[in-house]
């Protein structure tokens, strides 16, 4: 499947050969999958990256973990 599971050639490939092989594999994958499907996948990935959940998750990850833990403890205590 796209050359991913081929046995490795014992000889070392040059950089140019590797690039050419990667381009061939990408072209074969694009042909097999189809441009329409690739466009749909790209659109879905973009929506996921731009979603409110992703934005909030990134914001929380950037915060100090001690402050996040303290705020979660406070929220849990308030619900009791």
PDB file of N, CA and C in Angstrom:
ATOM      1  N   UNK A   1       0.846  -1.175   0.000  1.00  0.00           N
ATOM      2  CA  UNK A   1       0.000   0.000   0.000  1.00  0.00           C
ATOM      3  C   UNK A   1       0.883   1.226   0.000  1.00  0.00           C
ATOM      4  N   UNK A   2       0.968   1.902  -1.101  1.00  0.00           N
ATOM      5  CA  UNK A   2       1.732   3.129  -1.277  1.00  0.00           C
ATOM      6  C   UNK A   2       3.213   2.927  -1.001  1.00  0.00           C
ATOM      7  N   UNK A   3       3.698   1.708  -1.001  1.00  0.00           N
ATOM      8  CA  UNK A   3       5.111   1.470  -0.791  1.00  0.00           C
ATOM      9  C   UNK A   3       5.547   1.565   0.653  1.00  0.00           C
ATOM     10  N   UNK A   4       4.603   1.670   1.587  1.00  0.00           N
ATOM     11  CA  UNK A   4       4.981   1.807   2.987  1.00  0.00           C
ATOM     12  C   UNK A   4       5.477   0.496   3.584  1.00  0.00           C
ATOM     13  N   UNK A   5       4.992  -0.606   3.054  1.00  0.00           N
ATOM     14  CA  UNK A   5       5.320  -1.887   3.652  1.00  0.00           C
ATOM     15  C   UNK A   5       6.276  -2.710   2.791  1.00  0.00           C
ATOM     16  N   UNK A   6       6.914  -2.067   1.837  1.00  0.00           N
ATOM     17  CA  UNK A   6       7.887  -2.750   1.011  1.00  0.00           C
ATOM     18  C   UNK A   6       9.125  -3.040   1.844  1.00  0.00           C
ATOM     19  N   UNK A   7       9.769  -4.157   1.533  1.00  0.00           N
ATOM     20  CA  UNK A   7      11.020  -4.449   2.219  1.00  0.00           C
ATOM     21  C   UNK A   7      12.044  -3.410   1.812  1.00  0.00           C
ATOM     22  N   UNK A   8      12.868  -3.032   2.760  1.00  0.00           N
ATOM     23  CA  UNK A   8      13.861  -2.006   2.479  1.00  0.00           C
ATOM     24  C   UNK A   8      14.971  -2.583   1.617  1.00  0.00           C
ATOM     25  N   UNK A   9      15.368  -1.790   0.653  1.00  0.00           N
ATOM     26  CA  UNK A   9      16.445  -2.164  -0.239  1.00  0.00           C
ATOM     27  C   UNK A   9      17.757  -2.081   0.542  1.00  0.00           C
ATOM     28  N   UNK A  10      18.591  -3.081   0.439  1.00  0.00           N
ATOM     29  CA  UNK A  10      19.830  -3.047   1.215  1.00  0.00           C
ATOM     30  C   UNK A  10      20.760  -1.901   0.826  1.00  0.00           C
ATOM     31  N   UNK A  11      20.648  -1.407  -0.415  1.00  0.00           N
ATOM     32  CA  UNK A  11      21.508  -0.289  -0.800  1.00  0.00           C
ATOM     33  C   UNK A  11      20.918   1.014  -0.282  1.00  0.00           C
ATOM     34  N   UNK A  12      21.769   1.956   0.005  1.00  0.00           N
ATOM     35  CA  UNK A  12      21.322   3.269   0.474  1.00  0.00           C
ATOM     36  C   UNK A  12      20.854   4.088  -0.726  1.00  0.00           C
ATOM     37  N   UNK A  13      19.708   4.718  -0.568  1.00  0.00           N
ATOM     38  CA  UNK A  13      19.188   5.588  -1.621  1.00  0.00           C
ATOM     39  C   UNK A  13      19.701   6.999  -1.393  1.00  0.00           C
ATOM     40  N   UNK A  14      19.912   7.707  -2.488  1.00  0.00           N
ATOM     41  CA  UNK A  14      20.330   9.093  -2.362  1.00  0.00           C
ATOM     42  C   UNK A  14      19.122   9.946  -1.986  1.00  0.00           C
ATOM     43  N   UNK A  15      19.392  11.159  -1.600  1.00  0.00           N
ATOM     44  CA  UNK A  15      18.323  12.086  -1.220  1.00  0.00           C
ATOM     45  C   UNK A  15      17.361  12.286  -2.389  1.00  0.00           C
ATOM     46  N   UNK A  16      17.908  12.460  -3.568  1.00  0.00           N
ATOM     47  CA  UNK A  16      17.089  12.684  -4.754  1.00  0.00           C
ATOM     48  C   UNK A  16      16.216  11.463  -5.050  1.00  0.00           C
ATOM     49  N   UNK A  17      16.780  10.271  -4.880  1.00  0.00           N
ATOM     50  CA  UNK A  17      16.007   9.047  -5.116  1.00  0.00           C
ATOM     51  C   UNK A  17      14.875   8.921  -4.105  1.00  0.00           C
ATOM     52  N   UNK A  18      15.163   9.274  -2.863  1.00  0.00           N
ATOM     53  CA  UNK A  18      14.125   9.223  -1.825  1.00  0.00           C
ATOM     54  C   UNK A  18      13.007  10.217  -2.120  1.00  0.00           C
ATOM     55  N   UNK A  19      13.369  11.410  -2.558  1.00  0.00           N
ATOM     56  CA  UNK A  19      12.374  12.429  -2.891  1.00  0.00           C
ATOM     57  C   UNK A  19      11.518  11.965  -4.069  1.00  0.00           C
ATOM     58  N   UNK A  20      12.167  11.410  -5.083  1.00  0.00           N
ATOM     59  CA  UNK A  20      11.432  10.913  -6.253  1.00  0.00           C
ATOM     60  C   UNK A  20      10.478   9.791  -5.857  1.00  0.00           C
ATOM     61  N   UNK A  21      10.956   8.906  -4.992  1.00  0.00           N
ATOM     62  CA  UNK A  21      10.117   7.793  -4.529  1.00  0.00           C
ATOM     63  C   UNK A  21       8.931   8.323  -3.725  1.00  0.00           C
ATOM     64  N   UNK A  22       9.160   9.314  -2.870  1.00  0.00           N
ATOM     65  CA  UNK A  22       8.080   9.897  -2.067  1.00  0.00           C
ATOM     66  C   UNK A  22       7.050  10.565  -2.970  1.00  0.00           C
ATOM     67  N   UNK A  23       7.505  11.260  -4.019  1.00  0.00           N
ATOM     68  CA  UNK A  23       6.583  11.907  -4.949  1.00  0.00           C
ATOM     69  C   UNK A  23       5.747  10.873  -5.700  1.00  0.00           C
ATOM     70  N   UNK A  24       6.375   9.779  -6.092  1.00  0.00           N
ATOM     71  CA  UNK A  24       5.641   8.703  -6.766  1.00  0.00           C
ATOM     72  C   UNK A  24       4.584   8.112  -5.845  1.00  0.00           C
ATOM     73  N   UNK A  25       4.964   7.879  -4.590  1.00  0.00           N
ATOM     74  CA  UNK A  25       4.017   7.321  -3.619  1.00  0.00           C
ATOM     75  C   UNK A  25       2.854   8.275  -3.378  1.00  0.00           C
ATOM     76  N   UNK A  26       3.143   9.569  -3.272  1.00  0.00           N
ATOM     77  CA  UNK A  26       2.092  10.562  -3.050  1.00  0.00           C
ATOM     78  C   UNK A  26       1.150  10.630  -4.245  1.00  0.00           C
ATOM     79  N   UNK A  27       1.717  10.579  -5.443  1.00  0.00           N
ATOM     80  CA  UNK A  27       0.880  10.623  -6.645  1.00  0.00           C
ATOM     81  C   UNK A  27      -0.019   9.394  -6.723  1.00  0.00           C
ATOM     82  N   UNK A  28       0.532   8.235  -6.387  1.00  0.00           N
ATOM     83  CA  UNK A  28      -0.266   7.007  -6.407  1.00  0.00           C
ATOM     84  C   UNK A  28      -1.381   7.078  -5.365  1.00  0.00           C
ATOM     85  N   UNK A  29      -1.076   7.596  -4.194  1.00  0.00           N
ATOM     86  CA  UNK A  29      -2.083   7.718  -3.137  1.00  0.00           C
ATOM     87  C   UNK A  29      -3.174   8.694  -3.550  1.00  0.00           C
ATOM     88  N   UNK A  30      -2.777   9.820  -4.113  1.00  0.00           N
ATOM     89  CA  UNK A  30      -3.749  10.825  -4.556  1.00  0.00           C
ATOM     90  C   UNK A  30      -4.663  10.247  -5.627  1.00  0.00           C
ATOM     91  N   UNK A  31      -4.079   9.476  -6.545  1.00  0.00           N
ATOM     92  CA  UNK A  31      -4.876   8.869  -7.609  1.00  0.00           C
ATOM     93  C   UNK A  31      -5.855   7.853  -7.043  1.00  0.00           C
ATOM     94  N   UNK A  32      -5.392   7.063  -6.083  1.00  0.00           N
ATOM     95  CA  UNK A  32      -6.257   6.031  -5.513  1.00  0.00           C
ATOM     96  C   UNK A  32      -7.363   6.628  -4.644  1.00  0.00           C
ATOM     97  N   UNK A  33      -7.020   7.635  -3.854  1.00  0.00           N
ATOM     98  CA  UNK A  33      -7.990   8.236  -2.937  1.00  0.00           C
ATOM     99  C   UNK A  33      -8.917   9.194  -3.676  1.00  0.00           C
ATOM    100  N   UNK A  34      -8.350  10.004  -4.527  1.00  0.00           N
ATOM    101  CA  UNK A  34      -9.138  10.983  -5.271  1.00  0.00           C
ATOM    102  C   UNK A  34      -9.047  12.362  -4.655  1.00  0.00           C
ATOM    103  N   UNK A  35      -9.036  13.367  -5.500  1.00  0.00           N
ATOM    104  CA  UNK A  35      -8.904  14.748  -5.035  1.00  0.00           C
ATOM    105  C   UNK A  35     -10.093  15.189  -4.198  1.00  0.00           C
ATOM    106  N   UNK A  36     -11.286  14.741  -4.554  1.00  0.00           N
ATOM    107  CA  UNK A  36     -12.482  15.144  -3.807  1.00  0.00           C
ATOM    108  C   UNK A  36     -12.396  14.650  -2.356  1.00  0.00           C
ATOM    109  N   UNK A  37     -11.990  13.412  -2.181  1.00  0.00           N
ATOM    110  CA  UNK A  37     -11.863  12.856  -0.830  1.00  0.00           C
ATOM    111  C   UNK A  37     -10.780  13.586  -0.046  1.00  0.00           C
ATOM    112  N   UNK A  38      -9.659  13.880  -0.697  1.00  0.00           N
ATOM    113  CA  UNK A  38      -8.590  14.616  -0.024  1.00  0.00           C
ATOM    114  C   UNK A  38      -9.055  16.007   0.390  1.00  0.00           C
ATOM    115  N   UNK A  39      -9.844  16.654  -0.456  1.00  0.00           N
ATOM    116  CA  UNK A  39     -10.381  17.973  -0.108  1.00  0.00           C
ATOM    117  C   UNK A  39     -11.310  17.887   1.102  1.00  0.00           C
ATOM    118  N   UNK A  40     -12.137  16.847   1.152  1.00  0.00           N
ATOM    119  CA  UNK A  40     -13.036  16.662   2.296  1.00  0.00           C
ATOM    120  C   UNK A  40     -12.242  16.440   3.575  1.00  0.00           C
ATOM    121  N   UNK A  41     -11.191  15.635   3.497  1.00  0.00           N
ATOM    122  CA  UNK A  41     -10.358  15.360   4.671  1.00  0.00           C
ATOM    123  C   UNK A  41      -9.692  16.649   5.139  1.00  0.00           C
ATOM    124  N   UNK A  42      -9.166  17.429   4.203  1.00  0.00           N
ATOM    125  CA  UNK A  42      -8.517  18.692   4.555  1.00  0.00           C
ATOM    126  C   UNK A  42      -9.509  19.647   5.212  1.00  0.00           C
ATOM    127  N   UNK A  43     -10.722  19.689   4.696  1.00  0.00           N
ATOM    128  CA  UNK A  43     -11.755  20.557   5.272  1.00  0.00           C
ATOM    129  C   UNK A  43     -12.108  20.121   6.691  1.00  0.00           C
ATOM    130  N   UNK A  44     -12.246  18.818   6.888  1.00  0.00           N
ATOM    131  CA  UNK A  44     -12.561  18.301   8.225  1.00  0.00           C
ATOM    132  C   UNK A  44     -11.437  18.604   9.208  1.00  0.00           C
ATOM    133  N   UNK A  45     -10.200  18.475   8.770  1.00  0.00           N
ATOM    134  CA  UNK A  45      -9.065  18.764   9.648  1.00  0.00           C
ATOM    135  C   UNK A  45      -9.026  20.247  10.003  1.00  0.00           C
ATOM    136  N   UNK A  46      -9.321  21.100   9.049  1.00  0.00           N
ATOM    137  CA  UNK A  46      -9.326  22.537   9.308  1.00  0.00           C
ATOM    138  C   UNK A  46     -10.419  22.904  10.307  1.00  0.00           C
ATOM    139  N   UNK A  47     -11.600  22.300  10.153  1.00  0.00           N
ATOM    140  CA  UNK A  47     -12.690  22.570  11.097  1.00  0.00           C
ATOM    141  C   UNK A  47     -12.308  22.123  12.499  1.00  0.00           C
ATOM    142  N   UNK A  48     -11.665  20.966  12.590  1.00  0.00           N
ATOM    143  CA  UNK A  48     -11.268  20.444  13.899  1.00  0.00           C
ATOM    144  C   UNK A  48     -10.253  21.368  14.552  1.00  0.00           C
ATOM    145  N   UNK A  49      -9.281  21.853  13.772  1.00  0.00           N
ATOM    146  CA  UNK A  49      -8.255  22.736  14.316  1.00  0.00           C
ATOM    147  C   UNK A  49      -8.829  24.073  14.751  1.00  0.00           C
ATOM    148  N   UNK A  50      -9.882  24.531  14.090  1.00  0.00           N
ATOM    149  CA  UNK A  50     -10.458  25.833  14.389  1.00  0.00           C
ATOM    150  C   UNK A  50     -11.662  25.761  15.311  1.00  0.00           C
ATOM    151  N   UNK A  51     -11.962  24.604  15.842  1.00  0.00           N
ATOM    152  CA  UNK A  51     -13.147  24.463  16.682  1.00  0.00           C
ATOM    153  C   UNK A  51     -12.943  25.148  18.030  1.00  0.00           C
ATOM    154  N   UNK A  52     -14.037  25.463  18.662  1.00  0.00           N
ATOM    155  CA  UNK A  52     -14.005  26.108  19.974  1.00  0.00           C
ATOM    156  C   UNK A  52     -13.293  25.222  20.992  1.00  0.00           C
ATOM    157  N   UNK A  53     -13.547  23.911  20.930  1.00  0.00           N
ATOM    158  CA  UNK A  53     -12.908  22.971  21.844  1.00  0.00           C
ATOM    159  C   UNK A  53     -11.392  23.000  21.681  1.00  0.00           C
ATOM    160  N   UNK A  54     -10.917  22.981  20.456  1.00  0.00           N
ATOM    161  CA  UNK A  54      -9.472  22.999  20.203  1.00  0.00           C
ATOM    162  C   UNK A  54      -8.849  24.297  20.705  1.00  0.00           C
ATOM    163  N   UNK A  55      -9.556  25.397  20.497  1.00  0.00           N
ATOM    164  CA  UNK A  55      -9.046  26.679  20.953  1.00  0.00           C
ATOM    165  C   UNK A  55      -8.931  26.726  22.473  1.00  0.00           C
ATOM    166  N   UNK A  56      -9.984  26.244  23.150  1.00  0.00           N
ATOM    167  CA  UNK A  56      -9.963  26.234  24.612  1.00  0.00           C
ATOM    168  C   UNK A  56      -8.917  25.260  25.146  1.00  0.00           C
ATOM    169  N   UNK A  57      -8.780  24.130  24.489  1.00  0.00           N
ATOM    170  CA  UNK A  57      -7.776  23.145  24.911  1.00  0.00           C
ATOM    171  C   UNK A  57      -6.376  23.752  24.827  1.00  0.00           C
ATOM    172  N   UNK A  58      -6.081  24.444  23.743  1.00  0.00           N
ATOM    173  CA  UNK A  58      -4.775  25.082  23.580  1.00  0.00           C
ATOM    174  C   UNK A  58      -4.567  26.154  24.642  1.00  0.00           C
ATOM    175  N   UNK A  59      -5.628  26.882  24.947  1.00  0.00           N
ATOM    176  CA  UNK A  59      -5.531  27.930  25.959  1.00  0.00           C
ATOM    177  C   UNK A  59      -5.242  27.333  27.335  1.00  0.00           C
ATOM    178  N   UNK A  60      -5.913  26.248  27.673  1.00  0.00           N
ATOM    179  CA  UNK A  60      -5.692  25.590  28.957  1.00  0.00           C
ATOM    180  C   UNK A  60      -4.284  25.011  29.031  1.00  0.00           C
ATOM    181  N   UNK A  61      -3.819  24.431  27.923  1.00  0.00           N
ATOM    182  CA  UNK A  61      -2.469  23.872  27.910  1.00  0.00           C
ATOM    183  C   UNK A  61      -1.405  24.935  28.116  1.00  0.00           C
ATOM    184  N   UNK A  62      -1.702  26.158  27.713  1.00  0.00           N
ATOM    185  CA  UNK A  62      -0.720  27.225  27.865  1.00  0.00           C
ATOM    186  C   UNK A  62      -0.709  27.804  29.285  1.00  0.00           C
ATOM    187  N   UNK A  63      -1.727  27.507  30.070  1.00  0.00           N
ATOM    188  CA  UNK A  63      -1.809  28.033  31.434  1.00  0.00           C
ATOM    189  C   UNK A  63      -0.899  27.252  32.370  1.00  0.00           C
ATOM    190  N   UNK A  64      -0.660  27.837  33.517  1.00  0.00           N
ATOM    191  CA  UNK A  64       0.115  27.189  34.570  1.00  0.00           C
ATOM    192  C   UNK A  64      -0.684  26.013  35.119  1.00  0.00           C
ATOM    193  N   UNK A  65      -0.081  24.832  35.146  1.00  0.00           N
ATOM    194  CA  UNK A  65      -0.814  23.631  35.569  1.00  0.00           C
ATOM    195  C   UNK A  65      -1.278  23.711  37.021  1.00  0.00           C
ATOM    196  N   UNK A  66      -0.544  24.390  37.867  1.00  0.00           N
ATOM    197  CA  UNK A  66      -0.947  24.541  39.258  1.00  0.00           C
ATOM    198  C   UNK A  66      -2.226  25.356  39.388  1.00  0.00           C
ATOM    199  N   UNK A  67      -2.317  26.429  38.611  1.00  0.00           N
ATOM    200  CA  UNK A  67      -3.513  27.271  38.635  1.00  0.00           C
ATOM    201  C   UNK A  67      -4.723  26.507  38.093  1.00  0.00           C
ATOM    202  N   UNK A  68      -4.523  25.731  37.035  1.00  0.00           N
ATOM    203  CA  UNK A  68      -5.618  24.949  36.470  1.00  0.00           C
ATOM    204  C   UNK A  68      -6.114  23.944  37.502  1.00  0.00           C
ATOM    205  N   UNK A  69      -5.198  23.258  38.163  1.00  0.00           N
ATOM    206  CA  UNK A  69      -5.580  22.273  39.179  1.00  0.00           C
ATOM    207  C   UNK A  69      -6.339  22.949  40.327  1.00  0.00           C
ATOM    208  N   UNK A  70      -5.860  24.106  40.771  1.00  0.00           N
ATOM    209  CA  UNK A  70      -6.538  24.833  41.848  1.00  0.00           C
ATOM    210  C   UNK A  70      -7.951  25.239  41.441  1.00  0.00           C
ATOM    211  N   UNK A  71      -8.098  25.735  40.222  1.00  0.00           N
ATOM    212  CA  UNK A  71      -9.425  26.139  39.752  1.00  0.00           C
ATOM    213  C   UNK A  71     -10.362  24.948  39.622  1.00  0.00           C
ATOM    214  N   UNK A  72      -9.847  23.804  39.161  1.00  0.00           N
ATOM    215  CA  UNK A  72     -10.684  22.608  39.078  1.00  0.00           C
ATOM    216  C   UNK A  72     -11.126  22.145  40.464  1.00  0.00           C
ATOM    217  N   UNK A  73     -10.239  22.216  41.430  1.00  0.00           N
ATOM    218  CA  UNK A  73     -10.600  21.846  42.808  1.00  0.00           C
ATOM    219  C   UNK A  73     -11.700  22.761  43.338  1.00  0.00           C
ATOM    220  N   UNK A  74     -11.574  24.054  43.064  1.00  0.00           N
ATOM    221  CA  UNK A  74     -12.584  25.016  43.513  1.00  0.00           C
ATOM    222  C   UNK A  74     -13.935  24.705  42.862  1.00  0.00           C
ATOM    223  N   UNK A  75     -13.924  24.419  41.561  1.00  0.00           N
ATOM    224  CA  UNK A  75     -15.169  24.104  40.858  1.00  0.00           C
ATOM    225  C   UNK A  75     -15.813  22.842  41.433  1.00  0.00           C
ATOM    226  N   UNK A  76     -15.019  21.847  41.747  1.00  0.00           N
ATOM    227  CA  UNK A  76     -15.558  20.598  42.301  1.00  0.00           C
ATOM    228  C   UNK A  76     -16.166  20.849  43.669  1.00  0.00           C
ATOM    229  N   UNK A  77     -15.484  21.637  44.478  1.00  0.00           N
ATOM    230  CA  UNK A  77     -15.978  21.962  45.811  1.00  0.00           C
ATOM    231  C   UNK A  77     -17.299  22.748  45.738  1.00  0.00           C
ATOM    232  N   UNK A  78     -17.406  23.643  44.762  1.00  0.00           N
ATOM    233  CA  UNK A  78     -18.615  24.452  44.618  1.00  0.00           C
ATOM    234  C   UNK A  78     -19.820  23.591  44.237  1.00  0.00           C
ATOM    235  N   UNK A  79     -19.582  22.494  43.504  1.00  0.00           N
ATOM    236  CA  UNK A  79     -20.676  21.629  43.070  1.00  0.00           C
ATOM    237  C   UNK A  79     -21.193  20.742  44.184  1.00  0.00           C
ATOM    238  N   UNK A  80     -20.425  20.564  45.246  1.00  0.00           N
ATOM    239  CA  UNK A  80     -20.850  19.685  46.353  1.00  0.00           C
ATOM    240  C   UNK A  80     -21.863  20.345  47.233  1.00  0.00           C
TER     241      UNK A  80
END
